[in-house]
PDB file of all heavy atoms in Angstrom:
ATOM      1  N   GLU A   1       0.813  -1.225   0.000  1.00  0.00           N
ATOM      2  CA  GLU A   1       0.000   0.000   0.000  1.00  0.00           C
ATOM      3  C   GLU A   1       0.846   1.275   0.000  1.00  0.00           C
ATOM      4  O   GLU A   1       0.333   2.359  -0.283  1.00  0.00           O
ATOM      5  CB  GLU A   1      -0.941   0.022   1.216  1.00  0.00           C
ATOM      6  CG  GLU A   1      -1.953  -1.105   1.246  1.00  0.00           C
ATOM      7  CD  GLU A   1      -1.397  -2.394   1.855  1.00  0.00           C
ATOM      8  OE1 GLU A   1      -0.228  -2.424   2.286  1.00  0.00           O
ATOM      9  OE2 GLU A   1      -2.135  -3.381   1.895  1.00  0.00           O
ATOM     10  N   MET A   2       2.148   1.153   0.294  1.00  0.00           N
ATOM     11  CA  MET A   2       2.996   2.346   0.316  1.00  0.00           C
ATOM     12  C   MET A   2       2.989   3.071  -1.031  1.00  0.00           C
ATOM     13  O   MET A   2       3.168   4.283  -1.085  1.00  0.00           O
ATOM     14  CB  MET A   2       4.423   2.001   0.724  1.00  0.00           C
ATOM     15  CG  MET A   2       4.561   1.835   2.218  1.00  0.00           C
ATOM     16  SD  MET A   2       6.222   1.393   2.764  1.00  0.00           S
ATOM     17  CE  MET A   2       7.221   2.666   2.047  1.00  0.00           C
ATOM     18  N   VAL A   3       2.749   2.346  -2.108  1.00  0.00           N
ATOM     19  CA  VAL A   3       2.710   2.974  -3.424  1.00  0.00           C
ATOM     20  C   VAL A   3       1.482   3.885  -3.551  1.00  0.00           C
ATOM     21  O   VAL A   3       1.458   4.783  -4.394  1.00  0.00           O
ATOM     22  CB  VAL A   3       2.758   1.909  -4.543  1.00  0.00           C
ATOM     23  CG1 VAL A   3       1.449   1.179  -4.680  1.00  0.00           C
ATOM     24  CG2 VAL A   3       3.188   2.515  -5.848  1.00  0.00           C
ATOM     25  N   LEU A   4       0.477   3.686  -2.714  1.00  0.00           N
ATOM     26  CA  LEU A   4      -0.744   4.487  -2.756  1.00  0.00           C
ATOM     27  C   LEU A   4      -0.648   5.773  -1.931  1.00  0.00           C
ATOM     28  O   LEU A   4      -1.545   6.616  -2.001  1.00  0.00           O
ATOM     29  CB  LEU A   4      -1.934   3.654  -2.256  1.00  0.00           C
ATOM     30  CG  LEU A   4      -2.216   2.366  -3.032  1.00  0.00           C
ATOM     31  CD1 LEU A   4      -3.320   1.567  -2.345  1.00  0.00           C
ATOM     32  CD2 LEU A   4      -2.573   2.673  -4.474  1.00  0.00           C
ATOM     33  N   LEU A   5       0.426   5.930  -1.183  1.00  0.00           N
ATOM     34  CA  LEU A   5       0.594   7.145  -0.384  1.00  0.00           C
ATOM     35  C   LEU A   5       0.768   8.354  -1.307  1.00  0.00           C
ATOM     36  O   LEU A   5       1.209   8.221  -2.448  1.00  0.00           O
ATOM     37  CB  LEU A   5       1.835   7.010   0.512  1.00  0.00           C
ATOM     38  CG  LEU A   5       1.763   5.967   1.620  1.00  0.00           C
ATOM     39  CD1 LEU A   5       3.135   5.768   2.252  1.00  0.00           C
ATOM     40  CD2 LEU A   5       0.748   6.375   2.668  1.00  0.00           C
ATOM     41  N   PRO A   6       0.446   9.558  -0.826  1.00  0.00           N
ATOM     42  CA  PRO A   6       0.712  10.746  -1.651  1.00  0.00           C
ATOM     43  C   PRO A   6       2.212  10.872  -1.907  1.00  0.00           C
ATOM     44  O   PRO A   6       3.024  10.523  -1.055  1.00  0.00           O
ATOM     45  CB  PRO A   6       0.217  11.911  -0.784  1.00  0.00           C
ATOM     46  CG  PRO A   6      -0.412  11.329   0.417  1.00  0.00           C
ATOM     47  CD  PRO A   6      -0.150   9.868   0.461  1.00  0.00           C
ATOM     48  N   GLN A   7       2.586  11.355  -3.072  1.00  0.00           N
ATOM     49  CA  GLN A   7       4.004  11.412  -3.447  1.00  0.00           C
ATOM     50  C   GLN A   7       4.819  12.311  -2.523  1.00  0.00           C
ATOM     51  O   GLN A   7       6.024  12.125  -2.408  1.00  0.00           O
ATOM     52  CB  GLN A   7       4.144  11.846  -4.898  1.00  0.00           C
ATOM     53  CG  GLN A   7       3.684  10.763  -5.846  1.00  0.00           C
ATOM     54  CD  GLN A   7       3.963  11.105  -7.301  1.00  0.00           C
ATOM     55  OE1 GLN A   7       4.528  12.136  -7.607  1.00  0.00           O
ATOM     56  NE2 GLN A   7       3.560  10.216  -8.181  1.00  0.00           N
ATOM     57  N   TRP A   8       4.197  13.275  -1.848  1.00  0.00           N
ATOM     58  CA  TRP A   8       4.934  14.150  -0.947  1.00  0.00           C
ATOM     59  C   TRP A   8       5.314  13.444   0.355  1.00  0.00           C
ATOM     60  O   TRP A   8       6.171  13.888   1.099  1.00  0.00           O
ATOM     61  CB  TRP A   8       4.132  15.421  -0.630  1.00  0.00           C
ATOM     62  CG  TRP A   8       2.767  15.166  -0.039  1.00  0.00           C
ATOM     63  CD1 TRP A   8       1.595  15.152  -0.712  1.00  0.00           C
ATOM     64  CD2 TRP A   8       2.445  14.868   1.323  1.00  0.00           C
ATOM     65  NE1 TRP A   8       0.543  14.859   0.137  1.00  0.00           N
ATOM     66  CE2 TRP A   8       1.058  14.686   1.409  1.00  0.00           C
ATOM     67  CE3 TRP A   8       3.197  14.747   2.483  1.00  0.00           C
ATOM     68  CZ2 TRP A   8       0.407  14.386   2.590  1.00  0.00           C
ATOM     69  CZ3 TRP A   8       2.538  14.439   3.672  1.00  0.00           C
ATOM     70  CH2 TRP A   8       1.164  14.268   3.719  1.00  0.00           C
ATOM     71  N   PHE A   9       4.674  12.288   0.635  1.00  0.00           N
ATOM     72  CA  PHE A   9       4.909  11.577   1.894  1.00  0.00           C
ATOM     73  C   PHE A   9       6.337  11.012   1.914  1.00  0.00           C
ATOM     74  O   PHE A   9       6.787  10.417   0.940  1.00  0.00           O
ATOM     75  CB  PHE A   9       3.877  10.452   2.056  1.00  0.00           C
ATOM     76  CG  PHE A   9       3.829   9.869   3.438  1.00  0.00           C
ATOM     77  CD1 PHE A   9       3.227  10.565   4.477  1.00  0.00           C
ATOM     78  CD2 PHE A   9       4.387   8.642   3.702  1.00  0.00           C
ATOM     79  CE1 PHE A   9       3.175  10.044   5.755  1.00  0.00           C
ATOM     80  CE2 PHE A   9       4.349   8.102   4.977  1.00  0.00           C
ATOM     81  CZ  PHE A   9       3.738   8.808   6.012  1.00  0.00           C
ATOM     82  N   PRO A  10       7.063  11.183   3.016  1.00  0.00           N
ATOM     83  CA  PRO A  10       8.473  10.761   3.064  1.00  0.00           C
ATOM     84  C   PRO A  10       8.726   9.279   2.781  1.00  0.00           C
ATOM     85  O   PRO A  10       9.802   8.920   2.316  1.00  0.00           O
ATOM     86  CB  PRO A  10       8.897  11.100   4.504  1.00  0.00           C
ATOM     87  CG  PRO A  10       7.923  12.101   4.980  1.00  0.00           C
ATOM     88  CD  PRO A  10       6.644  11.856   4.243  1.00  0.00           C
ATOM     89  N   LEU A  11       7.750   8.415   3.032  1.00  0.00           N
ATOM     90  CA  LEU A  11       7.955   6.978   2.818  1.00  0.00           C
ATOM     91  C   LEU A  11       7.358   6.470   1.504  1.00  0.00           C
ATOM     92  O   LEU A  11       7.268   5.258   1.301  1.00  0.00           O
ATOM     93  CB  LEU A  11       7.365   6.176   3.983  1.00  0.00           C
ATOM     94  CG  LEU A  11       8.039   6.402   5.339  1.00  0.00           C
ATOM     95  CD1 LEU A  11       7.329   5.612   6.425  1.00  0.00           C
ATOM     96  CD2 LEU A  11       9.506   6.042   5.287  1.00  0.00           C
ATOM     97  N   HIS A  12       6.954   7.367   0.621  1.00  0.00           N
ATOM     98  CA  HIS A  12       6.426   6.925  -0.675  1.00  0.00           C
ATOM     99  C   HIS A  12       7.524   6.163  -1.417  1.00  0.00           C
ATOM    100  O   HIS A  12       8.698   6.498  -1.337  1.00  0.00           O
ATOM    101  CB  HIS A  12       5.949   8.123  -1.515  1.00  0.00           C
ATOM    102  CG  HIS A  12       5.198   7.689  -2.731  1.00  0.00           C
ATOM    103  ND1 HIS A  12       5.821   7.255  -3.878  1.00  0.00           N
ATOM    104  CD2 HIS A  12       3.868   7.601  -2.973  1.00  0.00           C
ATOM    105  CE1 HIS A  12       4.910   6.928  -4.783  1.00  0.00           C
ATOM    106  NE2 HIS A  12       3.719   7.123  -4.249  1.00  0.00           N
ATOM    107  N   THR A  13       7.132   5.130  -2.137  1.00  0.00           N
ATOM    108  CA  THR A  13       8.112   4.275  -2.812  1.00  0.00           C
ATOM    109  C   THR A  13       8.958   5.027  -3.837  1.00  0.00           C
ATOM    110  O   THR A  13      10.089   4.630  -4.103  1.00  0.00           O
ATOM    111  CB  THR A  13       7.410   3.080  -3.487  1.00  0.00           C
ATOM    112  OG1 THR A  13       6.380   3.568  -4.330  1.00  0.00           O
ATOM    113  CG2 THR A  13       6.840   2.137  -2.462  1.00  0.00           C
ATOM    114  N   GLN A  14       8.453   6.117  -4.411  1.00  0.00           N
ATOM    115  CA  GLN A  14       9.262   6.878  -5.360  1.00  0.00           C
ATOM    116  C   GLN A  14      10.423   7.594  -4.674  1.00  0.00           C
ATOM    117  O   GLN A  14      11.351   8.025  -5.331  1.00  0.00           O
ATOM    118  CB  GLN A  14       8.401   7.892  -6.109  1.00  0.00           C
ATOM    119  CG  GLN A  14       7.517   7.229  -7.137  1.00  0.00           C
ATOM    120  CD  GLN A  14       6.775   8.256  -7.985  1.00  0.00           C
ATOM    121  OE1 GLN A  14       6.605   9.402  -7.590  1.00  0.00           O
ATOM    122  NE2 GLN A  14       6.322   7.822  -9.140  1.00  0.00           N
ATOM    123  N   ARG A  15      10.359   7.706  -3.359  1.00  0.00           N
ATOM    124  CA  ARG A  15      11.447   8.341  -2.616  1.00  0.00           C
ATOM    125  C   ARG A  15      12.532   7.337  -2.208  1.00  0.00           C
ATOM    126  O   ARG A  15      13.564   7.734  -1.671  1.00  0.00           O
ATOM    127  CB  ARG A  15      10.904   9.046  -1.382  1.00  0.00           C
ATOM    128  CG  ARG A  15      10.000  10.210  -1.720  1.00  0.00           C
ATOM    129  CD  ARG A  15       9.552  10.918  -0.457  1.00  0.00           C
ATOM    130  NE  ARG A  15       8.747  12.062  -0.782  1.00  0.00           N
ATOM    131  CZ  ARG A  15       9.233  13.275  -1.022  1.00  0.00           C
ATOM    132  NH1 ARG A  15      10.516  13.475  -0.965  1.00  0.00           N
ATOM    133  NH2 ARG A  15       8.423  14.269  -1.313  1.00  0.00           N
ATOM    134  N   LEU A  16      12.282   6.060  -2.426  1.00  0.00           N
ATOM    135  CA  LEU A  16      13.296   5.051  -2.105  1.00  0.00           C
ATOM    136  C   LEU A  16      14.434   5.128  -3.109  1.00  0.00           C
ATOM    137  O   LEU A  16      14.234   5.456  -4.284  1.00  0.00           O
ATOM    138  CB  LEU A  16      12.691   3.648  -2.144  1.00  0.00           C
ATOM    139  CG  LEU A  16      11.623   3.310  -1.111  1.00  0.00           C
ATOM    140  CD1 LEU A  16      11.045   1.933  -1.390  1.00  0.00           C
ATOM    141  CD2 LEU A  16      12.193   3.371   0.290  1.00  0.00           C
ATOM    142  N   TRP A  17      15.608   4.790  -2.651  1.00  0.00           N
ATOM    143  CA  TRP A  17      16.768   4.675  -3.530  1.00  0.00           C
ATOM    144  C   TRP A  17      16.399   3.684  -4.628  1.00  0.00           C
ATOM    145  O   TRP A  17      15.721   2.677  -4.374  1.00  0.00           O
ATOM    146  CB  TRP A  17      17.946   4.202  -2.698  1.00  0.00           C
ATOM    147  CG  TRP A  17      19.267   4.142  -3.373  1.00  0.00           C
ATOM    148  CD1 TRP A  17      19.789   5.049  -4.244  1.00  0.00           C
ATOM    149  CD2 TRP A  17      20.261   3.128  -3.203  1.00  0.00           C
ATOM    150  NE1 TRP A  17      21.045   4.670  -4.629  1.00  0.00           N
ATOM    151  CE2 TRP A  17      21.356   3.482  -3.994  1.00  0.00           C
ATOM    152  CE3 TRP A  17      20.324   1.958  -2.450  1.00  0.00           C
ATOM    153  CZ2 TRP A  17      22.509   2.716  -4.074  1.00  0.00           C
ATOM    154  CZ3 TRP A  17      21.475   1.206  -2.523  1.00  0.00           C
ATOM    155  CH2 TRP A  17      22.548   1.582  -3.335  1.00  0.00           C
ATOM    156  N   CYS A  18      16.809   3.932  -5.856  1.00  0.00           N
ATOM    157  CA  CYS A  18      16.338   3.134  -6.995  1.00  0.00           C
ATOM    158  C   CYS A  18      16.574   1.637  -6.797  1.00  0.00           C
ATOM    159  O   CYS A  18      15.732   0.819  -7.153  1.00  0.00           O
ATOM    160  CB  CYS A  18      16.944   3.630  -8.299  1.00  0.00           C
ATOM    161  SG  CYS A  18      18.730   3.461  -8.408  1.00  0.00           S
ATOM    162  N   TYR A  19      17.704   1.262  -6.206  1.00  0.00           N
ATOM    163  CA  TYR A  19      17.993  -0.162  -6.007  1.00  0.00           C
ATOM    164  C   TYR A  19      17.064  -0.760  -4.953  1.00  0.00           C
ATOM    165  O   TYR A  19      16.599  -1.886  -5.087  1.00  0.00           O
ATOM    166  CB  TYR A  19      19.456  -0.371  -5.618  1.00  0.00           C
ATOM    167  CG  TYR A  19      20.399   0.130  -6.675  1.00  0.00           C
ATOM    168  CD1 TYR A  19      21.156   1.268  -6.480  1.00  0.00           C
ATOM    169  CD2 TYR A  19      20.500  -0.527  -7.895  1.00  0.00           C
ATOM    170  CE1 TYR A  19      22.020   1.737  -7.454  1.00  0.00           C
ATOM    171  CE2 TYR A  19      21.359  -0.070  -8.885  1.00  0.00           C
ATOM    172  CZ  TYR A  19      22.106   1.066  -8.657  1.00  0.00           C
ATOM    173  OH  TYR A  19      22.951   1.522  -9.630  1.00  0.00           O
ATOM    174  N   ALA A  20      16.797   0.008  -3.908  1.00  0.00           N
ATOM    175  CA  ALA A  20      15.872  -0.463  -2.874  1.00  0.00           C
ATOM    176  C   ALA A  20      14.467  -0.605  -3.443  1.00  0.00           C
ATOM    177  O   ALA A  20      13.763  -1.579  -3.162  1.00  0.00           O
ATOM    178  CB  ALA A  20      15.870   0.505  -1.684  1.00  0.00           C
ATOM    179  N   ARG A  21      14.058   0.351  -4.263  1.00  0.00           N
ATOM    180  CA  ARG A  21      12.723   0.296  -4.872  1.00  0.00           C
ATOM    181  C   ARG A  21      12.607  -0.911  -5.805  1.00  0.00           C
ATOM    182  O   ARG A  21      11.588  -1.589  -5.832  1.00  0.00           O
ATOM    183  CB  ARG A  21      12.437   1.606  -5.623  1.00  0.00           C
ATOM    184  CG  ARG A  21      11.038   1.686  -6.179  1.00  0.00           C
ATOM    185  CD  ARG A  21      10.725   3.048  -6.797  1.00  0.00           C
ATOM    186  NE  ARG A  21      11.683   3.461  -7.797  1.00  0.00           N
ATOM    187  CZ  ARG A  21      12.520   4.507  -7.688  1.00  0.00           C
ATOM    188  NH1 ARG A  21      12.501   5.249  -6.600  1.00  0.00           N
ATOM    189  NH2 ARG A  21      13.354   4.802  -8.639  1.00  0.00           N
ATOM    190  N   THR A  22      13.650  -1.186  -6.553  1.00  0.00           N
ATOM    191  CA  THR A  22      13.641  -2.315  -7.484  1.00  0.00           C
ATOM    192  C   THR A  22      13.450  -3.643  -6.754  1.00  0.00           C
ATOM    193  O   THR A  22      12.813  -4.549  -7.268  1.00  0.00           O
ATOM    194  CB  THR A  22      14.969  -2.344  -8.287  1.00  0.00           C
ATOM    195  OG1 THR A  22      15.084  -1.112  -8.995  1.00  0.00           O
ATOM    196  CG2 THR A  22      15.013  -3.500  -9.239  1.00  0.00           C
ATOM    197  N   VAL A  23      13.976  -3.743  -5.560  1.00  0.00           N
ATOM    198  CA  VAL A  23      13.815  -4.957  -4.760  1.00  0.00           C
ATOM    199  C   VAL A  23      12.500  -4.920  -3.988  1.00  0.00           C
ATOM    200  O   VAL A  23      11.775  -5.918  -3.926  1.00  0.00           O
ATOM    201  CB  VAL A  23      15.013  -5.122  -3.792  1.00  0.00           C
ATOM    202  CG1 VAL A  23      14.768  -6.249  -2.815  1.00  0.00           C
ATOM    203  CG2 VAL A  23      16.295  -5.344  -4.561  1.00  0.00           C
ATOM    204  N   TYR A  24      12.182  -3.780  -3.410  1.00  0.00           N
ATOM    205  CA  TYR A  24      11.026  -3.659  -2.527  1.00  0.00           C
ATOM    206  C   TYR A  24       9.695  -3.901  -3.241  1.00  0.00           C
ATOM    207  O   TYR A  24       8.823  -4.592  -2.715  1.00  0.00           O
ATOM    208  CB  TYR A  24      11.017  -2.277  -1.861  1.00  0.00           C
ATOM    209  CG  TYR A  24       9.908  -2.096  -0.872  1.00  0.00           C
ATOM    210  CD1 TYR A  24      10.015  -2.624   0.411  1.00  0.00           C
ATOM    211  CD2 TYR A  24       8.744  -1.411  -1.206  1.00  0.00           C
ATOM    212  CE1 TYR A  24       8.991  -2.469   1.335  1.00  0.00           C
ATOM    213  CE2 TYR A  24       7.718  -1.248  -0.289  1.00  0.00           C
ATOM    214  CZ  TYR A  24       7.860  -1.787   0.975  1.00  0.00           C
ATOM    215  OH  TYR A  24       6.839  -1.638   1.884  1.00  0.00           O
ATOM    216  N   MET A  25       9.538  -3.352  -4.423  1.00  0.00           N
ATOM    217  CA  MET A  25       8.239  -3.447  -5.105  1.00  0.00           C
ATOM    218  C   MET A  25       7.839  -4.900  -5.409  1.00  0.00           C
ATOM    219  O   MET A  25       6.723  -5.307  -5.072  1.00  0.00           O
ATOM    220  CB  MET A  25       8.223  -2.580  -6.361  1.00  0.00           C
ATOM    221  CG  MET A  25       8.328  -1.078  -6.065  1.00  0.00           C
ATOM    222  SD  MET A  25       7.127  -0.473  -4.876  1.00  0.00           S
ATOM    223  CE  MET A  25       5.628  -0.693  -5.791  1.00  0.00           C
ATOM    224  N   PRO A  26       8.692  -5.706  -6.027  1.00  0.00           N
ATOM    225  CA  PRO A  26       8.248  -7.100  -6.243  1.00  0.00           C
ATOM    226  C   PRO A  26       8.086  -7.886  -4.938  1.00  0.00           C
ATOM    227  O   PRO A  26       7.217  -8.747  -4.839  1.00  0.00           O
ATOM    228  CB  PRO A  26       9.339  -7.706  -7.122  1.00  0.00           C
ATOM    229  CG  PRO A  26      10.426  -6.727  -7.206  1.00  0.00           C
ATOM    230  CD  PRO A  26       9.955  -5.424  -6.687  1.00  0.00           C
ATOM    231  N   MET A  27       8.919  -7.561  -3.941  1.00  0.00           N
ATOM    232  CA  MET A  27       8.772  -8.250  -2.657  1.00  0.00           C
ATOM    233  C   MET A  27       7.423  -7.927  -2.030  1.00  0.00           C
ATOM    234  O   MET A  27       6.772  -8.809  -1.463  1.00  0.00           O
ATOM    235  CB  MET A  27       9.915  -7.869  -1.707  1.00  0.00           C
ATOM    236  CG  MET A  27      11.239  -8.506  -2.068  1.00  0.00           C
ATOM    237  SD  MET A  27      12.583  -7.984  -0.992  1.00  0.00           S
ATOM    238  CE  MET A  27      12.233  -8.889   0.502  1.00  0.00           C
ATOM    239  N   THR A  28       6.974  -6.680  -2.125  1.00  0.00           N
ATOM    240  CA  THR A  28       5.685  -6.322  -1.532  1.00  0.00           C
ATOM    241  C   THR A  28       4.532  -6.991  -2.270  1.00  0.00           C
ATOM    242  O   THR A  28       3.544  -7.378  -1.650  1.00  0.00           O
ATOM    243  CB  THR A  28       5.454  -4.798  -1.510  1.00  0.00           C
ATOM    244  OG1 THR A  28       5.433  -4.297  -2.839  1.00  0.00           O
ATOM    245  CG2 THR A  28       6.495  -4.091  -0.689  1.00  0.00           C
ATOM    246  N   TRP A  29       4.672  -7.140  -3.577  1.00  0.00           N
ATOM    247  CA  TRP A  29       3.626  -7.808  -4.348  1.00  0.00           C
ATOM    248  C   TRP A  29       3.505  -9.264  -3.904  1.00  0.00           C
ATOM    249  O   TRP A  29       2.397  -9.750  -3.642  1.00  0.00           O
ATOM    250  CB  TRP A  29       3.908  -7.722  -5.853  1.00  0.00           C
ATOM    251  CG  TRP A  29       2.785  -8.251  -6.681  1.00  0.00           C
ATOM    252  CD1 TRP A  29       1.680  -7.581  -7.107  1.00  0.00           C
ATOM    253  CD2 TRP A  29       2.637  -9.595  -7.174  1.00  0.00           C
ATOM    254  NE1 TRP A  29       0.856  -8.406  -7.824  1.00  0.00           N
ATOM    255  CE2 TRP A  29       1.426  -9.653  -7.879  1.00  0.00           C
ATOM    256  CE3 TRP A  29       3.415 -10.746  -7.078  1.00  0.00           C
ATOM    257  CZ2 TRP A  29       0.969 -10.811  -8.487  1.00  0.00           C
ATOM    258  CZ3 TRP A  29       2.959 -11.904  -7.680  1.00  0.00           C
ATOM    259  CH2 TRP A  29       1.746 -11.925  -8.378  1.00  0.00           C
ATOM    260  N   LEU A  30       4.647  -9.966  -3.814  1.00  0.00           N
ATOM    261  CA  LEU A  30       4.631 -11.363  -3.384  1.00  0.00           C
ATOM    262  C   LEU A  30       4.122 -11.480  -1.952  1.00  0.00           C
ATOM    263  O   LEU A  30       3.379 -12.398  -1.623  1.00  0.00           O
ATOM    264  CB  LEU A  30       6.020 -11.990  -3.523  1.00  0.00           C
ATOM    265  CG  LEU A  30       6.482 -12.222  -4.955  1.00  0.00           C
ATOM    266  CD1 LEU A  30       7.966 -12.524  -4.997  1.00  0.00           C
ATOM    267  CD2 LEU A  30       5.678 -13.328  -5.614  1.00  0.00           C
ATOM    268  N   TYR A  31       4.523 -10.538  -1.090  1.00  0.00           N
ATOM    269  CA  TYR A  31       4.045 -10.535   0.283  1.00  0.00           C
ATOM    270  C   TYR A  31       2.528 -10.317   0.322  1.00  0.00           C
ATOM    271  O   TYR A  31       1.807 -10.992   1.055  1.00  0.00           O
ATOM    272  CB  TYR A  31       4.746  -9.461   1.113  1.00  0.00           C
ATOM    273  CG  TYR A  31       4.235  -9.391   2.531  1.00  0.00           C
ATOM    274  CD1 TYR A  31       4.731 -10.239   3.510  1.00  0.00           C
ATOM    275  CD2 TYR A  31       3.224  -8.502   2.884  1.00  0.00           C
ATOM    276  CE1 TYR A  31       4.255 -10.196   4.807  1.00  0.00           C
ATOM    277  CE2 TYR A  31       2.735  -8.450   4.183  1.00  0.00           C
ATOM    278  CZ  TYR A  31       3.252  -9.297   5.135  1.00  0.00           C
ATOM    279  OH  TYR A  31       2.764  -9.262   6.414  1.00  0.00           O
ATOM    280  N   GLY A  32       2.042  -9.369  -0.464  1.00  0.00           N
ATOM    281  CA  GLY A  32       0.605  -9.098  -0.510  1.00  0.00           C
ATOM    282  C   GLY A  32      -0.197 -10.306  -0.960  1.00  0.00           C
ATOM    283  O   GLY A  32      -1.280 -10.582  -0.453  1.00  0.00           O
ATOM    284  N   LYS A  33       0.332 -11.060  -1.906  1.00  0.00           N
ATOM    285  CA  LYS A  33      -0.322 -12.280  -2.389  1.00  0.00           C
ATOM    286  C   LYS A  33      -0.070 -13.467  -1.461  1.00  0.00           C
ATOM    287  O   LYS A  33      -0.742 -14.489  -1.567  1.00  0.00           O
ATOM    288  CB  LYS A  33       0.204 -12.647  -3.785  1.00  0.00           C
ATOM    289  CG  LYS A  33      -0.188 -11.695  -4.878  1.00  0.00           C
ATOM    290  CD  LYS A  33      -1.585 -11.980  -5.293  1.00  0.00           C
ATOM    291  CE  LYS A  33      -1.932 -11.232  -6.563  1.00  0.00           C
ATOM    292  NZ  LYS A  33      -3.297 -11.490  -6.966  1.00  0.00           N
ATOM    293  N   LYS A  34       0.938 -13.340  -0.606  1.00  0.00           N
ATOM    294  CA  LYS A  34       1.398 -14.457   0.240  1.00  0.00           C
ATOM    295  C   LYS A  34       1.676 -15.678  -0.646  1.00  0.00           C
ATOM    296  O   LYS A  34       1.316 -16.816  -0.324  1.00  0.00           O
ATOM    297  CB  LYS A  34       0.381 -14.800   1.328  1.00  0.00           C
ATOM    298  CG  LYS A  34       0.077 -13.674   2.277  1.00  0.00           C
ATOM    299  CD  LYS A  34       1.180 -13.449   3.271  1.00  0.00           C
ATOM    300  CE  LYS A  34       0.797 -12.579   4.431  1.00  0.00           C
ATOM    301  NZ  LYS A  34       0.706 -11.177   4.196  1.00  0.00           N
ATOM    302  N   TYR A  35       2.357 -15.394  -1.763  1.00  0.00           N
ATOM    303  CA  TYR A  35       2.631 -16.463  -2.721  1.00  0.00           C
ATOM    304  C   TYR A  35       3.623 -17.465  -2.142  1.00  0.00           C
ATOM    305  O   TYR A  35       4.660 -17.092  -1.603  1.00  0.00           O
ATOM    306  CB  TYR A  35       3.206 -15.909  -4.034  1.00  0.00           C
ATOM    307  CG  TYR A  35       3.611 -17.034  -4.946  1.00  0.00           C
ATOM    308  CD1 TYR A  35       2.664 -17.664  -5.734  1.00  0.00           C
ATOM    309  CD2 TYR A  35       4.905 -17.523  -4.946  1.00  0.00           C
ATOM    310  CE1 TYR A  35       3.004 -18.742  -6.522  1.00  0.00           C
ATOM    311  CE2 TYR A  35       5.251 -18.603  -5.732  1.00  0.00           C
ATOM    312  CZ  TYR A  35       4.304 -19.210  -6.522  1.00  0.00           C
ATOM    313  OH  TYR A  35       4.640 -20.284  -7.282  1.00  0.00           O
ATOM    314  N   SER A  36       3.309 -18.722  -2.261  1.00  0.00           N
ATOM    315  CA  SER A  36       4.223 -19.815  -1.932  1.00  0.00           C
ATOM    316  C   SER A  36       4.096 -20.856  -3.028  1.00  0.00           C
ATOM    317  O   SER A  36       2.984 -21.135  -3.493  1.00  0.00           O
ATOM    318  CB  SER A  36       3.876 -20.458  -0.590  1.00  0.00           C
ATOM    319  OG  SER A  36       4.141 -19.585   0.470  1.00  0.00           O
ATOM    320  N   CYS A  37       5.222 -21.423  -3.412  1.00  0.00           N
ATOM    321  CA  CYS A  37       5.155 -22.458  -4.443  1.00  0.00           C
ATOM    322  C   CYS A  37       4.436 -23.685  -3.876  1.00  0.00           C
ATOM    323  O   CYS A  37       4.346 -23.857  -2.657  1.00  0.00           O
ATOM    324  CB  CYS A  37       6.550 -22.800  -4.951  1.00  0.00           C
ATOM    325  SG  CYS A  37       7.526 -23.874  -3.907  1.00  0.00           S
ATOM    326  N   PRO A  38       3.926 -24.523  -4.737  1.00  0.00           N
ATOM    327  CA  PRO A  38       3.230 -25.723  -4.256  1.00  0.00           C
ATOM    328  C   PRO A  38       4.154 -26.611  -3.413  1.00  0.00           C
ATOM    329  O   PRO A  38       5.370 -26.643  -3.636  1.00  0.00           O
ATOM    330  CB  PRO A  38       2.827 -26.441  -5.547  1.00  0.00           C
ATOM    331  CG  PRO A  38       2.839 -25.379  -6.602  1.00  0.00           C
ATOM    332  CD  PRO A  38       3.895 -24.400  -6.185  1.00  0.00           C
TER     333      PRO A  38
END
């Protein structure tokens, strides 16, 4: 949900260092889905 925060908010994902954002975004998606392989 951090991606839904207003862009001015200090913890918005666009404010993350590019490498951290590249890792964080897919991790949050998998976490949100609670994906586990069979």
